[in-house]
Amino acid sequence: MGEFTDKVKGNVNEAIGKAKQKSDDPETRAEGREDEAKGKAQQAKGEAEGKVGNDI
């Protein structure tokens, strides 16, 4: 279950990050890059949990 949740949260954070990067404000664009990176990390975590869970 954590695998699915991490993937969904990752997708949401990545989408929010991409939207923020379209802002005219440099600080908001920086936040967007951070959010996108966070989202990608969450997705990777979910993928890893899925692979470990399938091996057991």
PDB file of N, CA and C in Angstrom:
ATOM      1  N   MET A   1       0.824  -1.190   0.000  1.00  0.00           N
ATOM      2  CA  MET A   1       0.000   0.000   0.000  1.00  0.00           C
ATOM      3  C   MET A   1       0.865   1.249   0.000  1.00  0.00           C
ATOM      4  N   GLY A   2       1.975   1.244   0.699  1.00  0.00           N
ATOM      5  CA  GLY A   2       2.856   2.398   0.738  1.00  0.00           C
ATOM      6  C   GLY A   2       3.430   2.705  -0.627  1.00  0.00           C
ATOM      7  N   GLU A   3       3.617   1.673  -1.411  1.00  0.00           N
ATOM      8  CA  GLU A   3       4.150   1.844  -2.760  1.00  0.00           C
ATOM      9  C   GLU A   3       3.217   2.742  -3.579  1.00  0.00           C
ATOM     10  N   PHE A   4       1.944   2.419  -3.592  1.00  0.00           N
ATOM     11  CA  PHE A   4       0.959   3.183  -4.356  1.00  0.00           C
ATOM     12  C   PHE A   4       0.874   4.620  -3.845  1.00  0.00           C
ATOM     13  N   THR A   5       0.834   4.785  -2.537  1.00  0.00           N
ATOM     14  CA  THR A   5       0.740   6.110  -1.925  1.00  0.00           C
ATOM     15  C   THR A   5       1.940   6.968  -2.296  1.00  0.00           C
ATOM     16  N   ASP A   6       3.138   6.397  -2.238  1.00  0.00           N
ATOM     17  CA  ASP A   6       4.339   7.145  -2.600  1.00  0.00           C
ATOM     18  C   ASP A   6       4.312   7.570  -4.065  1.00  0.00           C
ATOM     19  N   LYS A   7       3.841   6.678  -4.915  1.00  0.00           N
ATOM     20  CA  LYS A   7       3.770   7.011  -6.340  1.00  0.00           C
ATOM     21  C   LYS A   7       2.785   8.148  -6.596  1.00  0.00           C
ATOM     22  N   VAL A   8       1.630   8.099  -5.940  1.00  0.00           N
ATOM     23  CA  VAL A   8       0.622   9.148  -6.121  1.00  0.00           C
ATOM     24  C   VAL A   8       1.138  10.476  -5.591  1.00  0.00           C
ATOM     25  N   LYS A   9       1.697  10.461  -4.380  1.00  0.00           N
ATOM     26  CA  LYS A   9       2.243  11.691  -3.816  1.00  0.00           C
ATOM     27  C   LYS A   9       3.348  12.245  -4.712  1.00  0.00           C
ATOM     28  N   GLY A  10       4.161  11.358  -5.242  1.00  0.00           N
ATOM     29  CA  GLY A  10       5.229  11.779  -6.136  1.00  0.00           C
ATOM     30  C   GLY A  10       4.694  12.450  -7.388  1.00  0.00           C
ATOM     31  N   ASN A  11       3.662  11.867  -7.976  1.00  0.00           N
ATOM     32  CA  ASN A  11       3.057  12.465  -9.164  1.00  0.00           C
ATOM     33  C   ASN A  11       2.472  13.838  -8.868  1.00  0.00           C
ATOM     34  N   VAL A  12       1.817  13.967  -7.720  1.00  0.00           N
ATOM     35  CA  VAL A  12       1.223  15.251  -7.332  1.00  0.00           C
ATOM     36  C   VAL A  12       2.316  16.294  -7.121  1.00  0.00           C
ATOM     37  N   ASN A  13       3.342  15.958  -6.364  1.00  0.00           N
ATOM     38  CA  ASN A  13       4.417  16.916  -6.122  1.00  0.00           C
ATOM     39  C   ASN A  13       5.126  17.310  -7.415  1.00  0.00           C
ATOM     40  N   GLU A  14       5.318  16.356  -8.294  1.00  0.00           N
ATOM     41  CA  GLU A  14       5.971  16.657  -9.564  1.00  0.00           C
ATOM     42  C   GLU A  14       5.111  17.615 -10.390  1.00  0.00           C
ATOM     43  N   ALA A  15       3.804  17.397 -10.427  1.00  0.00           N
ATOM     44  CA  ALA A  15       2.900  18.269 -11.178  1.00  0.00           C
ATOM     45  C   ALA A  15       2.874  19.676 -10.584  1.00  0.00           C
ATOM     46  N   ILE A  16       2.836  19.756  -9.255  1.00  0.00           N
ATOM     47  CA  ILE A  16       2.848  21.064  -8.593  1.00  0.00           C
ATOM     48  C   ILE A  16       4.149  21.784  -8.914  1.00  0.00           C
ATOM     49  N   GLY A  17       5.254  21.052  -8.861  1.00  0.00           N
ATOM     50  CA  GLY A  17       6.554  21.641  -9.157  1.00  0.00           C
ATOM     51  C   GLY A  17       6.626  22.181 -10.565  1.00  0.00           C
ATOM     52  N   LYS A  18       6.106  21.426 -11.518  1.00  0.00           N
ATOM     53  CA  LYS A  18       6.131  21.880 -12.913  1.00  0.00           C
ATOM     54  C   LYS A  18       5.286  23.138 -13.090  1.00  0.00           C
ATOM     55  N   ALA A  19       4.150  23.202 -12.402  1.00  0.00           N
ATOM     56  CA  ALA A  19       3.294  24.385 -12.494  1.00  0.00           C
ATOM     57  C   ALA A  19       3.988  25.604 -11.887  1.00  0.00           C
ATOM     58  N   LYS A  20       4.640  25.420 -10.753  1.00  0.00           N
ATOM     59  CA  LYS A  20       5.333  26.534 -10.100  1.00  0.00           C
ATOM     60  C   LYS A  20       6.481  27.061 -10.954  1.00  0.00           C
ATOM     61  N   GLN A  21       7.093  26.185 -11.732  1.00  0.00           N
ATOM     62  CA  GLN A  21       8.221  26.601 -12.551  1.00  0.00           C
ATOM     63  C   GLN A  21       7.811  27.538 -13.681  1.00  0.00           C
ATOM     64  N   LYS A  22       6.534  27.653 -13.940  1.00  0.00           N
ATOM     65  CA  LYS A  22       6.044  28.559 -14.979  1.00  0.00           C
ATOM     66  C   LYS A  22       5.787  29.962 -14.438  1.00  0.00           C
ATOM     67  N   SER A  23       6.042  30.162 -13.165  1.00  0.00           N
ATOM     68  CA  SER A  23       5.811  31.445 -12.514  1.00  0.00           C
ATOM     69  C   SER A  23       6.847  32.474 -12.967  1.00  0.00           C
ATOM     70  N   ASP A  24       6.491  33.738 -12.818  1.00  0.00           N
ATOM     71  CA  ASP A  24       7.430  34.830 -13.106  1.00  0.00           C
ATOM     72  C   ASP A  24       8.347  35.101 -11.913  1.00  0.00           C
ATOM     73  N   ASP A  25       7.967  34.604 -10.750  1.00  0.00           N
ATOM     74  CA  ASP A  25       8.738  34.836  -9.530  1.00  0.00           C
ATOM     75  C   ASP A  25       9.881  33.817  -9.417  1.00  0.00           C
ATOM     76  N   PRO A  26      11.127  34.292  -9.307  1.00  0.00           N
ATOM     77  CA  PRO A  26      12.268  33.368  -9.214  1.00  0.00           C
ATOM     78  C   PRO A  26      12.197  32.429  -8.002  1.00  0.00           C
ATOM     79  N   GLU A  27      11.690  32.919  -6.885  1.00  0.00           N
ATOM     80  CA  GLU A  27      11.585  32.072  -5.690  1.00  0.00           C
ATOM     81  C   GLU A  27      10.576  30.946  -5.905  1.00  0.00           C
ATOM     82  N   THR A  28       9.485  31.275  -6.546  1.00  0.00           N
ATOM     83  CA  THR A  28       8.464  30.255  -6.828  1.00  0.00           C
ATOM     84  C   THR A  28       9.004  29.223  -7.812  1.00  0.00           C
ATOM     85  N   ARG A  29       9.767  29.666  -8.795  1.00  0.00           N
ATOM     86  CA  ARG A  29      10.370  28.714  -9.744  1.00  0.00           C
ATOM     87  C   ARG A  29      11.343  27.783  -9.019  1.00  0.00           C
ATOM     88  N   ALA A  30      12.101  28.335  -8.074  1.00  0.00           N
ATOM     89  CA  ALA A  30      13.029  27.500  -7.294  1.00  0.00           C
ATOM     90  C   ALA A  30      12.259  26.475  -6.468  1.00  0.00           C
ATOM     91  N   GLU A  31      11.161  26.915  -5.856  1.00  0.00           N
ATOM     92  CA  GLU A  31      10.313  25.982  -5.096  1.00  0.00           C
ATOM     93  C   GLU A  31       9.785  24.889  -6.023  1.00  0.00           C
ATOM     94  N   GLY A  32       9.443  25.268  -7.229  1.00  0.00           N
ATOM     95  CA  GLY A  32       8.935  24.304  -8.197  1.00  0.00           C
ATOM     96  C   GLY A  32       9.962  23.240  -8.530  1.00  0.00           C
ATOM     97  N   ARG A  33      11.220  23.650  -8.697  1.00  0.00           N
ATOM     98  CA  ARG A  33      12.279  22.675  -8.975  1.00  0.00           C
ATOM     99  C   ARG A  33      12.441  21.720  -7.800  1.00  0.00           C
ATOM    100  N   GLU A  34      12.353  22.260  -6.582  1.00  0.00           N
ATOM    101  CA  GLU A  34      12.453  21.420  -5.382  1.00  0.00           C
ATOM    102  C   GLU A  34      11.277  20.444  -5.290  1.00  0.00           C
ATOM    103  N   ASP A  35      10.073  20.950  -5.558  1.00  0.00           N
ATOM    104  CA  ASP A  35       8.885  20.092  -5.500  1.00  0.00           C
ATOM    105  C   ASP A  35       8.964  18.979  -6.540  1.00  0.00           C
ATOM    106  N   GLU A  36       9.435  19.323  -7.733  1.00  0.00           N
ATOM    107  CA  GLU A  36       9.550  18.314  -8.783  1.00  0.00           C
ATOM    108  C   GLU A  36      10.568  17.240  -8.387  1.00  0.00           C
ATOM    109  N   ALA A  37      11.694  17.675  -7.832  1.00  0.00           N
ATOM    110  CA  ALA A  37      12.713  16.707  -7.400  1.00  0.00           C
ATOM    111  C   ALA A  37      12.168  15.820  -6.274  1.00  0.00           C
ATOM    112  N   LYS A  38      11.430  16.432  -5.354  1.00  0.00           N
ATOM    113  CA  LYS A  38      10.828  15.674  -4.254  1.00  0.00           C
ATOM    114  C   LYS A  38       9.854  14.628  -4.806  1.00  0.00           C
ATOM    115  N   GLY A  39       9.076  15.030  -5.795  1.00  0.00           N
ATOM    116  CA  GLY A  39       8.125  14.113  -6.400  1.00  0.00           C
ATOM    117  C   GLY A  39       8.807  12.940  -7.075  1.00  0.00           C
ATOM    118  N   LYS A  40       9.883  13.220  -7.782  1.00  0.00           N
ATOM    119  CA  LYS A  40      10.618  12.146  -8.448  1.00  0.00           C
ATOM    120  C   LYS A  40      11.216  11.185  -7.425  1.00  0.00           C
ATOM    121  N   ALA A  41      11.693  11.731  -6.303  1.00  0.00           N
ATOM    122  CA  ALA A  41      12.256  10.883  -5.248  1.00  0.00           C
ATOM    123  C   ALA A  41      11.169  10.000  -4.623  1.00  0.00           C
ATOM    124  N   GLN A  42       9.976  10.573  -4.422  1.00  0.00           N
ATOM    125  CA  GLN A  42       8.884   9.780  -3.859  1.00  0.00           C
ATOM    126  C   GLN A  42       8.478   8.658  -4.810  1.00  0.00           C
ATOM    127  N   GLN A  43       8.456   8.952  -6.089  1.00  0.00           N
ATOM    128  CA  GLN A  43       8.114   7.922  -7.060  1.00  0.00           C
ATOM    129  C   GLN A  43       9.158   6.808  -7.052  1.00  0.00           C
ATOM    130  N   ALA A  44      10.422   7.186  -6.971  1.00  0.00           N
ATOM    131  CA  ALA A  44      11.494   6.184  -6.937  1.00  0.00           C
ATOM    132  C   ALA A  44      11.376   5.317  -5.686  1.00  0.00           C
ATOM    133  N   LYS A  45      11.021   5.948  -4.575  1.00  0.00           N
ATOM    134  CA  LYS A  45      10.839   5.198  -3.331  1.00  0.00           C
ATOM    135  C   LYS A  45       9.706   4.181  -3.491  1.00  0.00           C
ATOM    136  N   GLY A  46       8.610   4.619  -4.099  1.00  0.00           N
ATOM    137  CA  GLY A  46       7.485   3.712  -4.324  1.00  0.00           C
ATOM    138  C   GLY A  46       7.869   2.554  -5.227  1.00  0.00           C
ATOM    139  N   GLU A  47       8.644   2.850  -6.274  1.00  0.00           N
ATOM    140  CA  GLU A  47       9.109   1.792  -7.180  1.00  0.00           C
ATOM    141  C   GLU A  47       9.974   0.787  -6.423  1.00  0.00           C
ATOM    142  N   ALA A  48      10.878   1.298  -5.604  1.00  0.00           N
ATOM    143  CA  ALA A  48      11.777   0.420  -4.836  1.00  0.00           C
ATOM    144  C   ALA A  48      11.001  -0.451  -3.857  1.00  0.00           C
ATOM    145  N   GLU A  49      10.023   0.151  -3.180  1.00  0.00           N
ATOM    146  CA  GLU A  49       9.194  -0.617  -2.255  1.00  0.00           C
ATOM    147  C   GLU A  49       8.426  -1.717  -2.994  1.00  0.00           C
ATOM    148  N   GLY A  50       7.974  -1.401  -4.173  1.00  0.00           N
ATOM    149  CA  GLY A  50       7.246  -2.380  -4.966  1.00  0.00           C
ATOM    150  C   GLY A  50       8.125  -3.547  -5.365  1.00  0.00           C
ATOM    151  N   LYS A  51       9.352  -3.265  -5.756  1.00  0.00           N
ATOM    152  CA  LYS A  51      10.252  -4.326  -6.167  1.00  0.00           C
ATOM    153  C   LYS A  51      10.657  -5.185  -4.985  1.00  0.00           C
ATOM    154  N   VAL A  52      10.895  -4.568  -3.842  1.00  0.00           N
ATOM    155  CA  VAL A  52      11.271  -5.330  -2.641  1.00  0.00           C
ATOM    156  C   VAL A  52      10.098  -6.180  -2.198  1.00  0.00           C
ATOM    157  N   GLY A  53       8.912  -5.600  -2.240  1.00  0.00           N
ATOM    158  CA  GLY A  53       7.714  -6.333  -1.820  1.00  0.00           C
ATOM    159  C   GLY A  53       7.407  -7.514  -2.715  1.00  0.00           C
ATOM    160  N   ASN A  54       7.719  -7.386  -3.996  1.00  0.00           N
ATOM    161  CA  ASN A  54       7.454  -8.482  -4.935  1.00  0.00           C
ATOM    162  C   ASN A  54       8.455  -9.620  -4.805  1.00  0.00           C
ATOM    163  N   ASP A  55       9.618  -9.326  -4.257  1.00  0.00           N
ATOM    164  CA  ASP A  55      10.655 -10.344  -4.111  1.00  0.00           C
ATOM    165  C   ASP A  55      10.451 -11.205  -2.876  1.00  0.00           C
ATOM    166  N   ILE A  56       9.624 -10.775  -1.957  1.00  0.00           N
ATOM    167  CA  ILE A  56       9.437 -11.512  -0.703  1.00  0.00           C
ATOM    168  C   ILE A  56       8.397 -12.596  -0.877  1.00  0.00           C
TER     169      ILE A  56
END
